[in-house]
Amino acid sequence: MEKATFYLPCPSRNGDEYPPSFEGYYDPSHTWNGWVGNPLFTREIYDKIVEYYTNKEFNTEEDIEYIKEFTDPETNKTSLSVSMHGSLFSFGSSCLCWSVDTEDDKDNMGTVYLMEEK
């Protein structure tokens, strides 16, 4: 597993020019239709993703309903873990089209949510 930051390539609705990125882990050899197949996040980052995509100030009820199944930590907790951070969680894996930020993206990124150093 490699550590990276991931984003959903859809317009940001909170007024930022670019969508946010979230730090997590993935297997670069596992893709889904050219997208990152299964990014996994610590509970801390998972909660930030849920908070961002369920915020009623800048997400429509339709958008929130679409991702509702991904917001339950019990059903999205995986069997994988990282020793310093604990269990890893999936958010829309193999359904939402996550992309990996690259070095070329650094000037065109929105807010980046990183894991706390442990």
N, C-alpha and C. Protein backbone atom coordinates (compact mmCIF):
# COMPACT_ATOMS: atom_id res chain seq x y z
N MET A 1 0.85 -1.18 0.00
CA MET A 1 0.00 0.00 0.00
C MET A 1 0.90 1.24 0.00
N GLU A 2 0.48 2.23 -0.77
CA GLU A 2 1.20 3.50 -0.82
C GLU A 2 0.32 4.61 -0.27
N LYS A 3 0.98 5.61 0.30
CA LYS A 3 0.27 6.78 0.83
C LYS A 3 0.22 7.82 -0.28
N ALA A 4 -0.91 8.51 -0.39
CA ALA A 4 -1.09 9.56 -1.40
C ALA A 4 -2.25 10.45 -0.96
N THR A 5 -2.51 11.49 -1.74
CA THR A 5 -3.73 12.27 -1.54
C THR A 5 -4.64 12.02 -2.73
N PHE A 6 -5.94 12.00 -2.46
CA PHE A 6 -6.95 11.65 -3.46
C PHE A 6 -8.03 12.72 -3.52
N TYR A 7 -8.62 12.87 -4.69
CA TYR A 7 -9.73 13.82 -4.84
C TYR A 7 -10.76 13.24 -5.79
N LEU A 8 -11.98 13.73 -5.64
CA LEU A 8 -13.05 13.39 -6.58
C LEU A 8 -13.10 14.51 -7.61
N PRO A 9 -12.85 14.20 -8.88
CA PRO A 9 -12.75 15.25 -9.90
C PRO A 9 -14.10 15.81 -10.33
N CYS A 10 -14.76 16.42 -9.36
CA CYS A 10 -16.02 17.10 -9.65
C CYS A 10 -15.89 18.51 -9.10
N PRO A 11 -16.69 19.42 -9.58
CA PRO A 11 -16.56 20.81 -9.12
C PRO A 11 -16.73 20.95 -7.61
N SER A 12 -15.94 21.81 -7.03
CA SER A 12 -16.09 22.13 -5.61
C SER A 12 -17.32 23.01 -5.48
N ARG A 13 -18.11 22.75 -4.47
CA ARG A 13 -19.34 23.54 -4.29
C ARG A 13 -19.25 24.50 -3.12
N ASN A 14 -18.12 24.52 -2.44
CA ASN A 14 -18.01 25.39 -1.26
C ASN A 14 -17.37 26.72 -1.58
N GLY A 15 -17.18 27.02 -2.86
CA GLY A 15 -16.59 28.29 -3.26
C GLY A 15 -15.11 28.19 -3.60
N ASP A 16 -14.46 27.06 -3.23
CA ASP A 16 -13.06 26.87 -3.61
C ASP A 16 -12.98 26.61 -5.11
N GLU A 17 -11.85 26.99 -5.68
CA GLU A 17 -11.66 26.77 -7.12
C GLU A 17 -11.51 25.29 -7.46
N TYR A 18 -10.90 24.53 -6.54
CA TYR A 18 -10.63 23.11 -6.79
C TYR A 18 -11.24 22.26 -5.67
N PRO A 19 -11.56 21.00 -5.98
CA PRO A 19 -12.10 20.13 -4.93
C PRO A 19 -11.02 19.80 -3.91
N PRO A 20 -11.42 19.40 -2.70
CA PRO A 20 -10.43 19.05 -1.68
C PRO A 20 -9.77 17.71 -1.97
N SER A 21 -8.61 17.52 -1.38
CA SER A 21 -7.89 16.25 -1.45
C SER A 21 -7.79 15.67 -0.05
N PHE A 22 -7.76 14.35 0.03
CA PHE A 22 -7.74 13.65 1.31
C PHE A 22 -6.62 12.61 1.30
N GLU A 23 -5.80 12.62 2.33
CA GLU A 23 -4.69 11.68 2.42
C GLU A 23 -5.19 10.30 2.79
N GLY A 24 -4.64 9.30 2.13
CA GLY A 24 -5.02 7.92 2.42
C GLY A 24 -4.02 6.96 1.81
N TYR A 25 -4.46 5.73 1.63
CA TYR A 25 -3.61 4.66 1.13
C TYR A 25 -4.29 3.97 -0.05
N TYR A 26 -3.47 3.37 -0.91
CA TYR A 26 -4.03 2.61 -2.02
C TYR A 26 -3.00 1.65 -2.59
N ASP A 27 -3.48 0.71 -3.38
CA ASP A 27 -2.63 -0.21 -4.12
C ASP A 27 -2.62 0.31 -5.56
N PRO A 28 -1.49 0.88 -6.02
CA PRO A 28 -1.46 1.47 -7.37
C PRO A 28 -1.75 0.48 -8.50
N SER A 29 -1.61 -0.80 -8.23
CA SER A 29 -1.89 -1.78 -9.28
C SER A 29 -3.38 -2.09 -9.39
N HIS A 30 -4.17 -1.62 -8.43
CA HIS A 30 -5.62 -1.87 -8.45
C HIS A 30 -6.34 -0.63 -8.97
N THR A 31 -6.85 -0.72 -10.18
CA THR A 31 -7.60 0.39 -10.77
C THR A 31 -8.99 -0.09 -11.16
N TRP A 32 -9.84 0.87 -11.40
CA TRP A 32 -11.21 0.59 -11.79
C TRP A 32 -11.54 1.56 -12.92
N ASN A 33 -11.64 1.07 -14.15
CA ASN A 33 -11.91 1.90 -15.33
C ASN A 33 -10.96 3.09 -15.43
N GLY A 34 -9.70 2.89 -15.03
CA GLY A 34 -8.70 3.95 -15.11
C GLY A 34 -8.62 4.83 -13.87
N TRP A 35 -9.53 4.66 -12.95
CA TRP A 35 -9.53 5.45 -11.71
C TRP A 35 -8.89 4.63 -10.60
N VAL A 36 -8.57 5.29 -9.49
CA VAL A 36 -8.06 4.57 -8.32
C VAL A 36 -9.15 3.63 -7.86
N GLY A 37 -8.83 2.35 -7.75
CA GLY A 37 -9.85 1.36 -7.46
C GLY A 37 -10.38 1.36 -6.04
N ASN A 38 -9.51 1.62 -5.07
CA ASN A 38 -9.97 1.45 -3.71
C ASN A 38 -9.12 2.27 -2.73
N PRO A 39 -9.25 3.60 -2.75
CA PRO A 39 -8.50 4.36 -1.75
C PRO A 39 -9.08 4.09 -0.36
N LEU A 40 -8.20 4.01 0.61
CA LEU A 40 -8.61 3.75 1.98
C LEU A 40 -8.11 4.87 2.87
N PHE A 41 -8.90 5.19 3.89
CA PHE A 41 -8.63 6.35 4.73
C PHE A 41 -8.69 5.98 6.20
N THR A 42 -7.92 6.70 7.01
CA THR A 42 -8.03 6.55 8.46
C THR A 42 -9.40 7.06 8.88
N ARG A 43 -9.80 6.74 10.09
CA ARG A 43 -11.10 7.21 10.58
C ARG A 43 -11.13 8.74 10.61
N GLU A 44 -10.04 9.35 11.01
CA GLU A 44 -9.95 10.81 11.06
C GLU A 44 -10.24 11.43 9.68
N ILE A 45 -9.62 10.91 8.65
CA ILE A 45 -9.81 11.45 7.29
C ILE A 45 -11.18 11.04 6.76
N TYR A 46 -11.60 9.81 7.01
CA TYR A 46 -12.93 9.37 6.60
C TYR A 46 -14.00 10.32 7.13
N ASP A 47 -13.89 10.69 8.40
CA ASP A 47 -14.86 11.62 9.00
C ASP A 47 -14.84 12.98 8.31
N LYS A 48 -13.67 13.44 7.88
CA LYS A 48 -13.58 14.72 7.16
C LYS A 48 -14.22 14.62 5.78
N ILE A 49 -14.07 13.48 5.14
CA ILE A 49 -14.72 13.27 3.83
C ILE A 49 -16.23 13.30 4.01
N VAL A 50 -16.72 12.56 4.97
CA VAL A 50 -18.16 12.52 5.24
C VAL A 50 -18.68 13.93 5.56
N GLU A 51 -17.97 14.64 6.40
CA GLU A 51 -18.38 16.00 6.77
C GLU A 51 -18.46 16.91 5.54
N TYR A 52 -17.45 16.83 4.67
CA TYR A 52 -17.42 17.68 3.49
C TYR A 52 -18.57 17.35 2.53
N TYR A 53 -18.76 16.08 2.23
CA TYR A 53 -19.75 15.69 1.21
C TYR A 53 -21.18 15.60 1.73
N THR A 54 -21.39 15.78 3.03
CA THR A 54 -22.76 15.82 3.55
C THR A 54 -23.12 17.21 4.08
N ASN A 55 -22.26 18.17 3.89
CA ASN A 55 -22.51 19.54 4.33
C ASN A 55 -23.64 20.13 3.50
N LYS A 56 -24.76 20.44 4.13
CA LYS A 56 -25.95 20.92 3.42
C LYS A 56 -25.79 22.36 2.90
N GLU A 57 -24.77 23.06 3.36
CA GLU A 57 -24.53 24.42 2.86
C GLU A 57 -24.14 24.43 1.39
N PHE A 58 -23.38 23.41 0.98
CA PHE A 58 -22.91 23.42 -0.41
C PHE A 58 -23.06 22.09 -1.13
N ASN A 59 -23.86 21.18 -0.61
CA ASN A 59 -24.21 19.95 -1.32
C ASN A 59 -25.73 19.85 -1.37
N THR A 60 -26.25 19.43 -2.50
CA THR A 60 -27.70 19.31 -2.63
C THR A 60 -28.19 18.06 -1.90
N GLU A 61 -29.46 18.05 -1.58
CA GLU A 61 -30.07 16.86 -0.95
C GLU A 61 -29.88 15.63 -1.85
N GLU A 62 -29.98 15.82 -3.15
CA GLU A 62 -29.79 14.72 -4.10
C GLU A 62 -28.37 14.17 -4.02
N ASP A 63 -27.37 15.06 -3.95
CA ASP A 63 -25.97 14.62 -3.84
C ASP A 63 -25.74 13.85 -2.53
N ILE A 64 -26.28 14.37 -1.45
CA ILE A 64 -26.11 13.74 -0.14
C ILE A 64 -26.79 12.37 -0.12
N GLU A 65 -27.95 12.27 -0.71
CA GLU A 65 -28.65 10.99 -0.77
C GLU A 65 -27.85 9.98 -1.59
N TYR A 66 -27.21 10.44 -2.67
CA TYR A 66 -26.44 9.56 -3.55
C TYR A 66 -25.28 8.90 -2.80
N ILE A 67 -24.64 9.63 -1.90
CA ILE A 67 -23.47 9.09 -1.20
C ILE A 67 -23.80 8.56 0.20
N LYS A 68 -25.05 8.56 0.57
CA LYS A 68 -25.47 8.17 1.92
C LYS A 68 -24.90 6.82 2.35
N GLU A 69 -24.90 5.85 1.45
CA GLU A 69 -24.41 4.50 1.81
C GLU A 69 -22.93 4.50 2.17
N PHE A 70 -22.19 5.52 1.74
CA PHE A 70 -20.76 5.58 2.03
C PHE A 70 -20.45 6.28 3.34
N THR A 71 -21.47 6.80 4.02
CA THR A 71 -21.24 7.62 5.21
C THR A 71 -21.37 6.86 6.53
N ASP A 72 -21.65 5.58 6.48
CA ASP A 72 -21.77 4.78 7.69
C ASP A 72 -20.43 4.10 7.97
N PRO A 73 -19.74 4.52 9.04
CA PRO A 73 -18.41 3.96 9.30
C PRO A 73 -18.43 2.46 9.57
N GLU A 74 -19.50 1.93 10.11
CA GLU A 74 -19.54 0.49 10.40
C GLU A 74 -19.54 -0.34 9.12
N THR A 75 -20.27 0.10 8.10
CA THR A 75 -20.32 -0.69 6.86
C THR A 75 -19.16 -0.37 5.93
N ASN A 76 -18.43 0.70 6.18
CA ASN A 76 -17.32 1.08 5.31
C ASN A 76 -15.95 0.82 5.94
N LYS A 77 -15.95 0.23 7.12
CA LYS A 77 -14.71 -0.16 7.77
C LYS A 77 -14.19 -1.42 7.08
N THR A 78 -12.91 -1.42 6.72
CA THR A 78 -12.34 -2.58 6.05
C THR A 78 -11.59 -3.45 7.06
N SER A 79 -11.10 -4.57 6.60
CA SER A 79 -10.32 -5.45 7.47
C SER A 79 -8.86 -5.02 7.53
N LEU A 80 -8.50 -3.98 6.77
CA LEU A 80 -7.11 -3.51 6.74
C LEU A 80 -6.88 -2.43 7.78
N SER A 81 -5.63 -2.32 8.21
CA SER A 81 -5.30 -1.27 9.18
C SER A 81 -3.86 -0.82 8.98
N VAL A 82 -3.56 0.33 9.57
CA VAL A 82 -2.22 0.89 9.56
C VAL A 82 -1.81 0.97 11.02
N SER A 83 -0.65 0.47 11.34
CA SER A 83 -0.25 0.32 12.75
C SER A 83 -0.38 1.59 13.57
N MET A 84 -0.02 2.74 13.05
CA MET A 84 -0.07 3.97 13.82
C MET A 84 -1.45 4.63 13.83
N HIS A 85 -2.31 4.26 12.89
CA HIS A 85 -3.59 4.95 12.73
C HIS A 85 -4.81 4.05 12.93
N GLY A 86 -4.64 2.75 13.00
CA GLY A 86 -5.76 1.85 13.20
C GLY A 86 -6.45 1.45 11.91
N SER A 87 -7.72 1.15 12.01
CA SER A 87 -8.51 0.64 10.88
C SER A 87 -8.59 1.63 9.74
N LEU A 88 -8.75 1.07 8.53
CA LEU A 88 -8.92 1.90 7.34
C LEU A 88 -10.36 1.78 6.85
N PHE A 89 -10.84 2.87 6.25
CA PHE A 89 -12.22 2.96 5.80
C PHE A 89 -12.27 3.30 4.31
N SER A 90 -13.28 2.78 3.68
CA SER A 90 -13.53 3.03 2.26
C SER A 90 -14.61 4.11 2.14
N PHE A 91 -14.50 4.94 1.11
CA PHE A 91 -15.57 5.91 0.84
C PHE A 91 -15.87 5.87 -0.65
N GLY A 92 -16.87 5.14 -1.03
CA GLY A 92 -17.30 5.08 -2.43
C GLY A 92 -16.38 4.29 -3.35
N SER A 93 -15.58 3.40 -2.78
CA SER A 93 -14.65 2.62 -3.60
C SER A 93 -15.38 1.83 -4.67
N SER A 94 -14.80 1.82 -5.85
CA SER A 94 -15.35 1.12 -7.02
C SER A 94 -16.74 1.62 -7.39
N CYS A 95 -17.04 2.85 -7.00
CA CYS A 95 -18.29 3.50 -7.39
C CYS A 95 -18.00 4.95 -7.74
N LEU A 96 -17.36 5.66 -6.83
CA LEU A 96 -16.96 7.05 -7.09
C LEU A 96 -15.59 7.04 -7.78
N CYS A 97 -15.34 8.02 -8.60
CA CYS A 97 -14.13 8.06 -9.41
C CYS A 97 -13.02 8.87 -8.73
N TRP A 98 -12.31 8.25 -7.81
CA TRP A 98 -11.21 8.90 -7.11
C TRP A 98 -9.99 9.00 -8.02
N SER A 99 -9.28 10.12 -7.93
CA SER A 99 -8.02 10.32 -8.64
C SER A 99 -6.92 10.55 -7.61
N VAL A 100 -5.70 10.24 -8.01
CA VAL A 100 -4.53 10.47 -7.15
C VAL A 100 -3.91 11.80 -7.56
N ASP A 101 -3.60 12.63 -6.56
CA ASP A 101 -2.87 13.87 -6.85
C ASP A 101 -1.45 13.52 -7.28
N THR A 102 -0.95 14.27 -8.24
CA THR A 102 0.43 14.08 -8.69
C THR A 102 1.22 15.35 -8.43
N GLU A 103 2.51 15.28 -8.63
CA GLU A 103 3.38 16.45 -8.45
C GLU A 103 2.90 17.59 -9.33
N ASP A 104 2.40 17.29 -10.52
CA ASP A 104 1.92 18.33 -11.45
C ASP A 104 0.66 19.02 -10.94
N ASP A 105 -0.06 18.39 -10.02
CA ASP A 105 -1.31 18.95 -9.51
C ASP A 105 -1.12 19.98 -8.40
N LYS A 106 0.09 20.08 -7.84
CA LYS A 106 0.27 20.85 -6.61
C LYS A 106 -0.14 22.31 -6.71
N ASP A 107 -0.11 22.90 -7.90
CA ASP A 107 -0.54 24.29 -8.06
C ASP A 107 -2.04 24.42 -8.34
N ASN A 108 -2.71 23.29 -8.53
CA ASN A 108 -4.14 23.30 -8.87
C ASN A 108 -4.94 22.44 -7.89
N MET A 109 -4.64 22.58 -6.61
CA MET A 109 -5.30 21.75 -5.61
C MET A 109 -6.11 22.62 -4.66
N GLY A 110 -7.21 22.05 -4.20
CA GLY A 110 -7.99 22.71 -3.17
C GLY A 110 -7.40 22.40 -1.81
N THR A 111 -8.20 22.48 -0.79
CA THR A 111 -7.76 22.16 0.57
C THR A 111 -7.30 20.71 0.62
N VAL A 112 -6.20 20.48 1.30
CA VAL A 112 -5.67 19.11 1.45
C VAL A 112 -5.80 18.72 2.91
N TYR A 113 -6.51 17.64 3.16
CA TYR A 113 -6.70 17.12 4.51
C TYR A 113 -5.70 15.99 4.74
N LEU A 114 -4.78 16.21 5.68
CA LEU A 114 -3.73 15.24 5.97
C LEU A 114 -3.98 14.55 7.30
N MET A 115 -3.42 13.34 7.43
CA MET A 115 -3.51 12.62 8.69
C MET A 115 -2.62 13.27 9.72
N GLU A 116 -3.01 13.20 10.97
CA GLU A 116 -2.16 13.69 12.05
C GLU A 116 -0.93 12.80 12.12
N GLU A 117 0.21 13.42 12.38
CA GLU A 117 1.43 12.64 12.57
C GLU A 117 1.31 11.91 13.90
N LYS A 118 1.66 10.64 13.93
CA LYS A 118 1.60 9.85 15.17
C LYS A 118 2.95 9.30 15.48
